C-alpha atoms as a PDB file:
ATOM      1  CA  MET A   1       6.608  12.822 -19.148  1.00  0.00           C
ATOM      2  CA  ASN A   2       3.282  11.927 -19.186  1.00  0.00           C
ATOM      3  CA  GLU A   3       2.424  11.070 -15.781  1.00  0.00           C
ATOM      4  CA  SER A   4       0.851   7.834 -15.010  1.00  0.00           C
ATOM      5  CA  LYS A   5      -2.280   8.080 -11.816  1.00  0.00           C
ATOM      6  CA  MET A   6      -4.016   5.364 -10.206  1.00  0.00           C
ATOM      7  CA  SER A   7      -5.525   4.240  -7.046  1.00  0.00           C
ATOM      8  CA  VAL A   8      -4.471   1.547  -4.355  1.00  0.00           C
ATOM      9  CA  ARG A   9      -6.374  -0.316  -1.647  1.00  0.00           C
ATOM     10  CA  VAL A  10      -3.993  -0.743   1.586  1.00  0.00           C
ATOM     11  CA  VAL A  11      -5.237  -3.036   4.772  1.00  0.00           C
ATOM     12  CA  VAL A  12      -3.267  -2.672   7.982  1.00  0.00           C
ATOM     13  CA  TYR A  13      -3.582  -4.374  10.901  1.00  0.00           C
ATOM     14  CA  GLN A  14      -1.522  -5.504  13.212  1.00  0.00           C
ATOM     15  CA  ALA A  15       1.397  -8.237  13.098  1.00  0.00           C
ATOM     16  CA  GLY A  16       2.972  -9.472  16.891  1.00  0.00           C
ATOM     17  CA  ASP A  17       3.656  -5.657  18.122  1.00  0.00           C
ATOM     18  CA  GLY A  18       3.840  -3.627  15.101  1.00  0.00           C
ATOM     19  CA  TRP A  19       1.810  -2.985  12.509  1.00  0.00           C
ATOM     20  CA  VAL A  20       2.221  -3.765   9.014  1.00  0.00           C
ATOM     21  CA  ALA A  21       0.606  -2.464   5.977  1.00  0.00           C
ATOM     22  CA  ARG A  22       0.006  -3.812   3.083  1.00  0.00           C
ATOM     23  CA  CYS A  23      -0.504  -2.447  -0.719  1.00  0.00           C
ATOM     24  CA  LEU A  24      -2.763  -4.949  -2.668  1.00  0.00           C
ATOM     25  CA  GLU A  25      -1.957  -3.645  -6.047  1.00  0.00           C
ATOM     26  CA  PHE A  26       1.759  -4.449  -5.823  1.00  0.00           C
ATOM     27  CA  ASP A  27       2.202  -6.768  -2.901  1.00  0.00           C
ATOM     28  CA  VAL A  28       4.348  -4.713  -1.070  1.00  0.00           C
ATOM     29  CA  VAL A  29       4.612  -4.316   3.031  1.00  0.00           C
ATOM     30  CA  GLY A  30       5.793  -1.855   5.212  1.00  0.00           C
ATOM     31  CA  GLU A  31       5.826  -2.528   9.059  1.00  0.00           C
ATOM     32  CA  GLY A  32       6.400   0.227  11.375  1.00  0.00           C
ATOM     33  CA  GLU A  33       4.799   0.108  15.787  1.00  0.00           C
ATOM     34  CA  ASN A  34       1.720   2.098  13.969  1.00  0.00           C
ATOM     35  CA  TYR A  35      -0.681   2.034  11.336  1.00  0.00           C
ATOM     36  CA  LEU A  36       1.052   5.292  10.142  1.00  0.00           C
ATOM     37  CA  ASP A  37       4.106   4.601  10.694  1.00  0.00           C
ATOM     38  CA  ALA A  38       3.208   1.400   8.415  1.00  0.00           C
ATOM     39  CA  LEU A  39       2.091   3.919   6.358  1.00  0.00           C
ATOM     40  CA  LEU A  40       5.108   5.526   5.271  1.00  0.00           C
ATOM     41  CA  SER A  41       7.744   2.455   5.315  1.00  0.00           C
ATOM     42  CA  LEU A  42       5.058   0.986   2.877  1.00  0.00           C
ATOM     43  CA  ARG A  43       5.709   4.824   1.034  1.00  0.00           C
ATOM     44  CA  SER A  44      10.197   3.629   0.948  1.00  0.00           C
ATOM     45  CA  ALA A  45       8.876  -0.051  -0.454  1.00  0.00           C
ATOM     46  CA  LEU A  46       6.584   1.781  -2.985  1.00  0.00           C
ATOM     47  CA  ALA A  47       8.893   3.910  -3.795  1.00  0.00           C
ATOM     48  CA  PHE A  48      11.915   1.235  -3.819  1.00  0.00           C
ATOM     49  CA  ARG A  49      10.096  -1.090  -5.644  1.00  0.00           C
ATOM     50  CA  VAL A  50       9.131   1.962  -8.288  1.00  0.00           C
ATOM     51  CA  LYS A  51      12.301   3.081  -8.960  1.00  0.00           C
ATOM     52  CA  ARG A  52      13.782   0.368  -9.628  1.00  0.00           C
ATOM     53  CA  THR A  53      11.014  -1.694 -12.475  1.00  0.00           C
ATOM     54  CA  LEU A  54      11.552   1.609 -14.168  1.00  0.00           C
ATOM     55  CA  ASN A  55      15.340   2.083 -14.240  1.00  0.00           C
ATOM     56  CA  ALA A  56      15.578  -1.681 -15.607  1.00  0.00           C
ATOM     57  CA  LYS A  57      12.292  -1.033 -17.618  1.00  0.00           C
ATOM     58  CA  ASP A  58      10.947  -3.497 -16.536  1.00  0.00           C
ATOM     59  CA  ARG A  59       6.987  -2.996 -16.518  1.00  0.00           C
ATOM     60  CA  ASP A  60       6.273  -6.230 -15.971  1.00  0.00           C
ATOM     61  CA  ASN A  61       7.774  -6.796 -12.277  1.00  0.00           C
ATOM     62  CA  LEU A  62       5.448  -3.678 -10.690  1.00  0.00           C
ATOM     63  CA  PHE A  63       2.321  -5.012 -10.805  1.00  0.00           C
ATOM     64  CA  THR A  64       2.214  -7.974  -8.684  1.00  0.00           C
ATOM     65  CA  PRO A  65      -1.132  -8.447  -6.809  1.00  0.00           C
ATOM     66  CA  ALA A  66      -1.194  -9.519  -3.139  1.00  0.00           C
ATOM     67  CA  ALA A  67      -2.750 -12.869  -2.332  1.00  0.00           C
ATOM     68  CA  GLY A  68      -6.098 -13.677  -2.016  1.00  0.00           C
ATOM     69  CA  LYS A  69      -6.251 -13.392   2.230  1.00  0.00           C
ATOM     70  CA  TYR A  70      -5.503 -10.283   1.831  1.00  0.00           C
ATOM     71  CA  PHE A  71      -8.160  -8.597  -0.374  1.00  0.00           C
ATOM     72  CA  GLN A  72     -10.588 -10.729   2.066  1.00  0.00           C
ATOM     73  CA  MET A  73      -8.766  -8.681   4.972  1.00  0.00           C
ATOM     74  CA  TYR A  74      -9.308  -5.399   3.387  1.00  0.00           C
ATOM     75  CA  ALA A  75     -13.252  -6.404   2.271  1.00  0.00           C
ATOM     76  CA  ALA A  76     -13.571  -7.173   6.232  1.00  0.00           C
ATOM     77  CA  GLY A  77     -11.564  -4.026   7.431  1.00  0.00           C
ATOM     78  CA  LYS A  78     -12.724  -1.018   8.572  1.00  0.00           C
ATOM     79  CA  HIS A  79     -11.497   2.297   6.670  1.00  0.00           C
ATOM     80  CA  VAL A  80      -9.181   4.902   8.343  1.00  0.00           C
ATOM     81  CA  PRO A  81      -7.447   7.623   7.609  1.00  0.00           C
ATOM     82  CA  ALA A  82      -4.438   7.901   5.361  1.00  0.00           C
ATOM     83  CA  GLY A  83      -3.779  11.614   5.576  1.00  0.00           C
ATOM     84  CA  SER A  84      -1.418  12.255   2.741  1.00  0.00           C
ATOM     85  CA  VAL A  85       0.775  10.495   3.492  1.00  0.00           C
ATOM     86  CA  MET A  86       0.984   8.351   0.046  1.00  0.00           C
ATOM     87  CA  ALA A  87       2.596  10.599  -2.445  1.00  0.00           C
ATOM     88  CA  GLN A  88       3.906  10.400  -5.373  1.00  0.00           C
ATOM     89  CA  ILE A  89       6.087   8.044  -5.807  1.00  0.00           C
ATOM     90  CA  PRO A  90       9.429   8.460  -6.470  1.00  0.00           C
ATOM     91  CA  PRO A  91       9.488  12.432  -7.851  1.00  0.00           C
ATOM     92  CA  GLY A  92       9.279  12.227 -11.393  1.00  0.00           C
ATOM     93  CA  ALA A  93       9.097   8.397 -12.025  1.00  0.00           C
ATOM     94  CA  GLY A  94       5.746   8.822 -14.177  1.00  0.00           C
ATOM     95  CA  LEU A  95       3.864   6.689 -11.481  1.00  0.00           C
ATOM     96  CA  SER A  96       1.690   8.702  -8.398  1.00  0.00           C
ATOM     97  CA  ILE A  97      -1.102   7.591  -6.564  1.00  0.00           C
ATOM     98  CA  ASP A  98      -4.409   9.836  -6.415  1.00  0.00           C
ATOM     99  CA  LYS A  99      -6.017   8.256  -4.097  1.00  0.00           C
ATOM    100  CA  ILE A 100      -5.631   5.627  -1.423  1.00  0.00           C
ATOM    101  CA  VAL A 101      -8.054   3.778   0.817  1.00  0.00           C
ATOM    102  CA  VAL A 102      -6.901   2.080   3.897  1.00  0.00           C
ATOM    103  CA  ARG A 103      -9.076  -0.397   5.613  1.00  0.00           C
ATOM    104  CA  GLN A 104      -7.948  -1.528   8.791  1.00  0.00           C
ATOM    105  CA  TYR A 105      -8.112  -5.504   9.664  1.00  0.00           C
ATOM    106  CA  ILE A 106      -8.436  -6.426  12.870  1.00  0.00           C
ATOM    107  CA  ASP A 107      -8.489 -10.120  13.501  1.00  0.00           C
ATOM    108  CA  GLY A 108     -11.764 -11.462  14.459  1.00  0.00           C
ATOM    109  CA  VAL A 109     -13.283  -8.436  13.812  1.00  0.00           C
ATOM    110  CA  ARG A 110     -15.798  -7.837  10.699  1.00  0.00           C
ATOM    111  CA  SER A 111     -16.444  -4.791   9.584  1.00  0.00           C
ATOM    112  CA  ARG A 112     -19.835  -2.828   8.281  1.00  0.00           C
ATOM    113  CA  GLY A 113     -17.568   0.222   7.286  1.00  0.00           C
END
């Protein structure tokens, strides 16, 4: 099976006592106690979404972009490392993320980076 590779953008931000990681291309979120936990949760949510969509043979459901305000938060955010948190999702599904760019948004702070 030929594997499709894609890049995704993620904005992470604090919400209450925790963190949210939102993928802009899929409008899928993960939550955690810190931004890395939120990214791990996002990876699981993306794996579920991809697997469910591909099993249903409904690729139109796969790419649903996030609302405009999250793109604005991403643009105003500061780049943060994601390490290898985001990998192939799920293994063997025919789709992998070859690049992830994560930006942290802090409410009321505009980044220069």
